[in-house]
């Protein structure tokens, strides 16, 4: 086992791509776009790294200028890239992110094909998976093979090796053949997940229930220990249901009001911040009290709010010092 594998606290698996993000309009009314590094699992790795966690990212980029930019971005934020694969012929995936007057996003993708879906299980370093204390992934890599199989198999292998499995099923309708196809594959990993983060827009897709409390109850009944339902500026609803006979905890932790530049990367910053706290717990997911859990979620909410106050995803993510100062 390498020294790197021994020291990694969090491994994220999935897509890394370029978010061509709208930054405004020129004097003729033409939208202007910035090439921001993005991709939810990569975002989580960077967010946690900036908050003091040793992270590694596993994914696939193209052999092009955008791919080089993504590698440099990860490495500049001290994210281990030993699991970053370069595809020789398929270009780095692009997402165009437009923003409305309230800061809400809409996405379109240049991805058929795109390098992010070309990740193969055989290309993932075994040491990263076998020694990951926490392994995180999302649902974008579940839209197509070979990345679907690679992601699911990596998560199963990490689970078998004792890792905590965390999952954030970001629903992007443009990437799926149909809503039915999305529901099928977004629900596929739930049986092995320990911590699930979903937005209030995804509760029905994942559980069949729209209300956060009903959705979280249904999902913890499947064996998930902690369900976090993000509520935008209103914070997060949580349900903690340990399987060791401990007390079930539920509640809502309020968010922080800020002037929103855009919301891109906010959920990833939230989850990266929460996982940075989870990495430091000696007992992992066991033994949370309500005060402990809510303190960690308050920290995560604050980190997310700071990201929304600046444009872009990775470029806007705060450092530990910035979050602590804001708190």
Protein backbone atom coordinates (compact mmCIF):
# COMPACT_ATOMS: atom_id res chain seq x y z
CA UNK A 1 0.00 0.00 0.00
CA UNK A 2 1.33 3.43 -0.95
CA UNK A 3 1.83 6.27 1.51
CA UNK A 4 -0.85 8.18 -0.42
CA UNK A 5 -3.40 5.40 0.01
CA UNK A 6 -2.74 5.30 3.77
CA UNK A 7 -3.31 9.01 4.26
CA UNK A 8 -6.45 9.63 2.19
CA UNK A 9 -9.56 10.41 4.28
CA UNK A 10 -12.10 10.73 1.47
CA UNK A 11 -12.21 9.29 -2.06
CA UNK A 12 -14.73 10.68 -4.56
CA UNK A 13 -15.63 8.90 -7.79
CA UNK A 14 -17.39 10.30 -10.85
CA UNK A 15 -17.40 13.22 -13.21
CA UNK A 16 -15.03 16.15 -13.51
CA UNK A 17 -15.85 18.60 -16.30
CA UNK A 18 -15.85 22.19 -17.43
CA UNK A 19 -18.81 24.34 -16.39
CA UNK A 20 -19.13 27.03 -19.05
CA UNK A 21 -20.88 29.34 -16.62
CA UNK A 22 -22.73 32.50 -17.56
CA UNK A 23 -21.07 35.50 -15.91
CA UNK A 24 -23.24 38.23 -17.42
CA UNK A 25 -23.99 39.79 -20.77
CA UNK A 26 -21.94 42.14 -22.92
CA UNK A 27 -23.04 45.54 -24.22
CA UNK A 28 -24.96 43.81 -27.04
CA UNK A 29 -26.85 41.54 -24.65
CA UNK A 30 -24.80 38.44 -25.62
CA UNK A 31 -24.16 36.09 -22.66
CA UNK A 32 -20.54 35.85 -21.51
CA UNK A 33 -19.24 32.51 -20.23
CA UNK A 34 -16.32 31.50 -18.01
CA UNK A 35 -14.67 28.06 -18.17
CA UNK A 36 -15.02 27.00 -14.53
CA UNK A 37 -13.83 23.59 -13.28
CA UNK A 38 -16.74 21.49 -12.03
CA UNK A 39 -18.41 18.13 -11.68
CA UNK A 40 -20.12 17.21 -8.41
CA UNK A 41 -17.72 14.54 -7.04
CA UNK A 42 -14.70 16.66 -7.99
CA UNK A 43 -16.36 19.64 -6.31
CA UNK A 44 -16.85 17.60 -3.13
CA UNK A 45 -13.19 16.56 -3.15
CA UNK A 46 -12.01 20.17 -3.49
CA UNK A 47 -14.49 21.51 -0.93
CA UNK A 48 -13.36 18.97 1.68
CA UNK A 49 -9.68 19.51 0.82
CA UNK A 50 -9.94 23.26 1.34
CA UNK A 51 -11.40 22.50 4.76
CA UNK A 52 -8.44 20.39 5.82
CA UNK A 53 -9.36 16.89 4.62
CA UNK A 54 -7.00 14.64 2.63
CA UNK A 55 -8.98 13.77 -0.49
CA UNK A 56 -8.55 11.85 -3.74
CA UNK A 57 -10.58 12.06 -6.93
CA UNK A 58 -11.24 9.23 -9.40
CA UNK A 59 -12.55 10.09 -12.87
CA UNK A 60 -11.76 10.54 -16.55
CA UNK A 61 -10.72 13.59 -18.58
CA UNK A 62 -9.79 14.15 -22.21
CA UNK A 63 -6.28 14.63 -23.53
CA UNK A 64 -6.92 18.31 -24.17
CA UNK A 65 -6.50 21.79 -22.70
CA UNK A 66 -9.66 21.53 -20.60
CA UNK A 67 -8.48 18.20 -19.18
CA UNK A 68 -5.13 19.73 -18.26
CA UNK A 69 -6.95 22.61 -16.57
CA UNK A 70 -9.02 20.19 -14.50
CA UNK A 71 -5.97 18.19 -13.40
CA UNK A 72 -4.14 21.37 -12.42
CA UNK A 73 -7.17 22.63 -10.52
CA UNK A 74 -7.44 19.44 -8.46
CA UNK A 75 -3.72 19.28 -7.76
CA UNK A 76 -3.54 22.96 -6.83
CA UNK A 77 -6.13 22.20 -4.14
CA UNK A 78 -4.10 19.21 -2.88
CA UNK A 79 -6.52 16.60 -4.23
CA UNK A 80 -4.76 13.32 -5.04
CA UNK A 81 -5.11 12.58 -8.78
CA UNK A 82 -3.58 9.11 -8.94
CA UNK A 83 -7.05 7.89 -10.00
CA UNK A 84 -7.53 10.51 -12.72
CA UNK A 85 -7.57 8.77 -16.11
CA UNK A 86 -6.80 10.51 -19.43
CA UNK A 87 -8.75 9.31 -22.47
CA UNK A 88 -6.73 9.66 -25.65
CA UNK A 89 -9.59 10.25 -28.11
CA UNK A 90 -12.73 11.41 -26.27
CA UNK A 91 -12.76 15.09 -25.24
CA UNK A 92 -13.30 16.48 -21.77
CA UNK A 93 -17.00 16.86 -20.98
CA UNK A 94 -18.56 20.34 -21.10
CA UNK A 95 -21.63 21.64 -19.29
CA UNK A 96 -23.15 25.02 -20.15
CA UNK A 97 -24.58 26.63 -17.03
CA UNK A 98 -26.92 29.58 -17.46
CA UNK A 99 -28.14 31.57 -14.48
CA UNK A 100 -31.42 33.43 -14.03
CA UNK A 101 -32.02 36.66 -12.12
CA UNK A 102 -32.35 34.82 -8.79
CA UNK A 103 -29.10 32.89 -9.27
CA UNK A 104 -30.78 29.57 -10.11
CA UNK A 105 -29.06 27.41 -12.73
CA UNK A 106 -30.04 25.46 -15.82
CA UNK A 107 -27.75 22.96 -17.54
CA UNK A 108 -27.06 21.67 -21.03
CA UNK A 109 -24.32 19.13 -21.75
CA UNK A 110 -21.85 18.36 -24.52
CA UNK A 111 -21.33 14.75 -23.58
CA UNK A 112 -22.25 12.15 -26.20
CA UNK A 113 -19.55 11.12 -25.97
CA UNK A 114 -17.68 12.83 -23.16
CA UNK A 115 -14.62 11.63 -21.29
CA UNK A 116 -16.32 11.49 -17.89
CA UNK A 117 -18.49 8.49 -18.89
CA UNK A 118 -15.43 6.57 -20.15
CA UNK A 119 -14.14 5.66 -16.68
CA UNK A 120 -13.55 1.90 -16.37
CA UNK A 121 -13.27 -0.06 -13.13
CA UNK A 122 -9.96 -1.61 -14.17
CA UNK A 123 -8.40 1.85 -14.40
CA UNK A 124 -9.18 2.74 -10.76
CA UNK A 125 -6.20 2.17 -8.41
CA UNK A 126 -7.08 -0.70 -6.08
CA UNK A 127 -5.34 0.90 -3.10
CA UNK A 128 -7.60 3.96 -3.25
CA UNK A 129 -10.73 1.82 -3.07
CA UNK A 130 -9.49 -0.78 -0.60
CA UNK A 131 -8.22 1.82 1.88
CA UNK A 132 -10.84 4.56 1.58
CA UNK A 133 -12.37 5.45 4.97
CA UNK A 134 -15.17 7.22 3.09
CA UNK A 135 -16.10 6.75 -0.57
CA UNK A 136 -18.41 9.26 -2.21
CA UNK A 137 -20.15 9.30 -5.57
CA UNK A 138 -23.11 10.85 -7.38
CA UNK A 139 -25.61 9.81 -10.03
CA UNK A 140 -24.21 11.63 -13.09
CA UNK A 141 -21.70 8.81 -13.58
CA UNK A 142 -24.61 6.34 -13.46
CA UNK A 143 -26.17 7.66 -16.68
CA UNK A 144 -23.98 5.60 -19.06
CA UNK A 145 -21.52 2.74 -19.14
CA UNK A 146 -18.67 2.12 -18.57
CA UNK A 147 -18.74 4.80 -15.83
CA UNK A 148 -21.97 3.36 -14.37
CA UNK A 149 -20.48 -0.07 -13.80
CA UNK A 150 -17.15 1.39 -12.65
CA UNK A 151 -18.82 3.61 -10.06
CA UNK A 152 -21.14 0.95 -8.67
CA UNK A 153 -18.42 -1.69 -8.49
CA UNK A 154 -15.99 0.70 -6.82
CA UNK A 155 -18.61 1.57 -4.21
CA UNK A 156 -19.41 -2.11 -3.58
CA UNK A 157 -15.73 -2.95 -3.20
CA UNK A 158 -15.16 -0.06 -0.80
CA UNK A 159 -18.22 -1.05 1.23
CA UNK A 160 -16.91 -4.61 1.50
CA UNK A 161 -13.59 -3.21 2.73
CA UNK A 162 -15.34 -1.27 5.52
CA UNK A 163 -15.73 2.21 4.04
CA UNK A 164 -18.58 4.59 4.79
CA UNK A 165 -20.45 5.07 1.50
CA UNK A 166 -21.93 8.50 0.75
CA UNK A 167 -24.12 9.38 -2.21
CA UNK A 168 -25.52 12.55 -3.75
CA UNK A 169 -27.95 11.79 -6.61
CA UNK A 170 -27.86 15.05 -8.55
CA UNK A 171 -30.75 14.82 -11.00
CA UNK A 172 -29.93 16.35 -14.38
CA UNK A 173 -32.87 15.51 -16.71
CA UNK A 174 -30.88 16.27 -19.89
CA UNK A 175 -28.50 13.39 -19.15
CA UNK A 176 -31.11 10.63 -18.90
CA UNK A 177 -33.14 8.84 -21.56
CA UNK A 178 -36.27 9.33 -19.46
CA UNK A 179 -37.36 10.07 -15.90
CA UNK A 180 -38.12 6.36 -15.46
CA UNK A 181 -34.56 5.48 -16.45
CA UNK A 182 -33.23 8.07 -14.02
CA UNK A 183 -35.34 6.76 -11.14
CA UNK A 184 -34.22 3.19 -11.79
CA UNK A 185 -30.51 3.92 -11.72
CA UNK A 186 -30.56 6.69 -9.13
CA UNK A 187 -32.22 4.26 -6.71
CA UNK A 188 -29.94 1.35 -7.61
CA UNK A 189 -27.17 2.13 -5.07
CA UNK A 190 -29.42 2.93 -2.10
CA UNK A 191 -28.98 -0.46 -0.45
CA UNK A 192 -25.28 0.13 0.16
CA UNK A 193 -25.41 3.83 1.10
CA UNK A 194 -24.68 5.05 4.64
CA UNK A 195 -25.13 8.81 4.12
CA UNK A 196 -27.47 10.22 1.47
CA UNK A 197 -27.78 13.88 0.50
CA UNK A 198 -30.69 14.89 -1.70
CA UNK A 199 -32.31 18.21 -2.51
CA UNK A 200 -35.96 18.92 -1.85
CA UNK A 201 -36.45 18.61 -5.64
CA UNK A 202 -35.25 14.97 -5.59
CA UNK A 203 -37.18 13.55 -2.64
CA UNK A 204 -39.98 12.04 -4.72
CA UNK A 205 -37.58 10.60 -7.30
CA UNK A 206 -35.58 8.76 -4.66
CA UNK A 207 -38.31 7.81 -2.18
CA UNK A 208 -41.76 8.28 -3.71
CA UNK A 209 -42.52 11.00 -1.13
CA UNK A 210 -42.19 14.75 -1.67
CA UNK A 211 -42.15 15.94 1.95
CA UNK A 212 -38.62 15.89 3.38
CA UNK A 213 -39.62 14.13 6.60
CA UNK A 214 -41.60 11.39 4.83
CA UNK A 215 -38.87 10.92 2.23
CA UNK A 216 -36.14 10.69 4.86
CA UNK A 217 -38.14 8.19 6.91
CA UNK A 218 -38.68 5.99 3.85
CA UNK A 219 -35.00 6.14 2.92
CA UNK A 220 -33.68 5.32 6.39
CA UNK A 221 -36.06 2.35 6.36
CA UNK A 222 -33.90 1.02 3.51
CA UNK A 223 -30.90 0.95 5.85
CA UNK A 224 -29.40 4.40 5.20
CA UNK A 225 -28.08 5.72 8.50
CA UNK A 226 -28.23 9.44 7.77
CA UNK A 227 -30.40 11.26 5.23
CA UNK A 228 -29.81 14.96 4.57
CA UNK A 229 -32.43 16.86 2.56
CA UNK A 230 -31.10 20.25 1.53
CA UNK A 231 -33.69 23.04 1.44
CA UNK A 232 -31.83 25.79 -0.42
CA UNK A 233 -31.60 28.98 1.65
CA UNK A 234 -33.77 27.35 4.35
CA UNK A 235 -31.00 24.96 5.40
CA UNK A 236 -31.22 21.19 5.73
CA UNK A 237 -33.58 18.59 7.17
CA UNK A 238 -31.87 15.56 8.70
CA UNK A 239 -32.89 12.11 9.87
CA UNK A 240 -30.29 10.03 11.69
CA UNK A 241 -31.26 6.40 12.23
CA UNK A 242 -28.32 4.39 13.61
CA UNK A 243 -28.60 0.63 13.29
CA UNK A 244 -27.08 -0.09 16.71
CA UNK A 245 -30.24 0.68 18.66
CA UNK A 246 -29.34 4.32 19.15
CA UNK A 247 -31.89 7.13 19.22
CA UNK A 248 -33.41 8.30 15.93
CA UNK A 249 -32.76 12.02 15.55
CA UNK A 250 -34.63 14.42 13.26
CA UNK A 251 -34.63 18.15 12.80
CA UNK A 252 -34.02 21.16 10.56
CA UNK A 253 -30.86 23.25 10.70
CA UNK A 254 -31.45 26.72 9.25
CA UNK A 255 -29.33 28.18 6.48
CA UNK A 256 -27.59 31.55 6.20
CA UNK A 257 -28.93 34.45 4.17
CA UNK A 258 -26.46 35.92 1.66
CA UNK A 259 -26.52 37.92 -1.56
CA UNK A 260 -26.52 35.13 -4.15
CA UNK A 261 -24.18 35.34 -7.13
CA UNK A 262 -25.06 31.81 -8.27
CA UNK A 263 -25.93 28.53 -6.59
CA UNK A 264 -23.56 26.37 -8.64
CA UNK A 265 -21.56 24.10 -6.34
CA UNK A 266 -23.47 25.00 -3.18
CA UNK A 267 -24.75 21.49 -2.53
CA UNK A 268 -21.31 20.02 -3.21
CA UNK A 269 -19.69 22.47 -0.82
CA UNK A 270 -22.30 21.57 1.80
CA UNK A 271 -21.61 17.86 1.46
CA UNK A 272 -17.84 18.29 1.25
CA UNK A 273 -17.95 20.39 4.42
CA UNK A 274 -20.08 17.85 6.26
CA UNK A 275 -17.83 14.98 5.16
CA UNK A 276 -14.77 16.96 6.32
CA UNK A 277 -16.31 16.88 9.79
CA UNK A 278 -17.29 13.22 9.52
CA UNK A 279 -13.69 12.30 8.62
CA UNK A 280 -12.54 13.64 11.97
CA UNK A 281 -14.96 11.57 14.10
CA UNK A 282 -13.32 8.59 15.79
CA UNK A 283 -16.64 6.72 15.83
CA UNK A 284 -17.58 7.48 12.24
CA UNK A 285 -21.36 7.52 11.97
CA UNK A 286 -21.92 5.99 15.40
CA UNK A 287 -23.02 7.88 18.48
CA UNK A 288 -24.11 11.24 17.09
CA UNK A 289 -25.99 13.46 19.50
CA UNK A 290 -28.39 16.07 18.15
CA UNK A 291 -26.04 18.88 19.24
CA UNK A 292 -23.04 17.28 17.50
CA UNK A 293 -24.92 16.63 14.29
CA UNK A 294 -26.48 20.07 14.16
CA UNK A 295 -23.13 21.74 14.81
CA UNK A 296 -21.60 19.89 11.85
CA UNK A 297 -24.58 20.75 9.65
CA UNK A 298 -24.40 24.41 10.67
CA UNK A 299 -20.75 24.40 9.58
CA UNK A 300 -21.76 22.83 6.26
CA UNK A 301 -24.58 25.33 5.73
CA UNK A 302 -22.20 28.22 6.32
CA UNK A 303 -19.66 26.85 3.87
CA UNK A 304 -22.38 26.44 1.23
CA UNK A 305 -23.66 29.98 1.76
CA UNK A 306 -20.18 31.38 1.15
CA UNK A 307 -19.99 29.48 -2.15
CA UNK A 308 -23.28 30.98 -3.35
CA UNK A 309 -21.99 34.48 -2.68
CA UNK A 310 -19.43 34.14 -5.51
CA UNK A 311 -19.74 32.95 -9.13
CA UNK A 312 -18.64 29.46 -10.17
CA UNK A 313 -18.35 26.21 -8.24
CA UNK A 314 -14.74 25.30 -7.36
CA UNK A 315 -13.45 28.90 -7.64
CA UNK A 316 -16.03 30.03 -5.07
CA UNK A 317 -15.43 27.36 -2.41
CA UNK A 318 -14.21 28.68 0.94
CA UNK A 319 -11.22 27.73 3.06
CA UNK A 320 -11.49 26.53 6.65
CA UNK A 321 -10.35 29.92 7.87
CA UNK A 322 -13.07 31.68 5.86
CA UNK A 323 -15.83 29.42 7.19
CA UNK A 324 -14.68 29.74 10.79
CA UNK A 325 -14.46 33.52 10.45
CA UNK A 326 -17.98 33.66 9.00
CA UNK A 327 -19.34 31.54 11.83
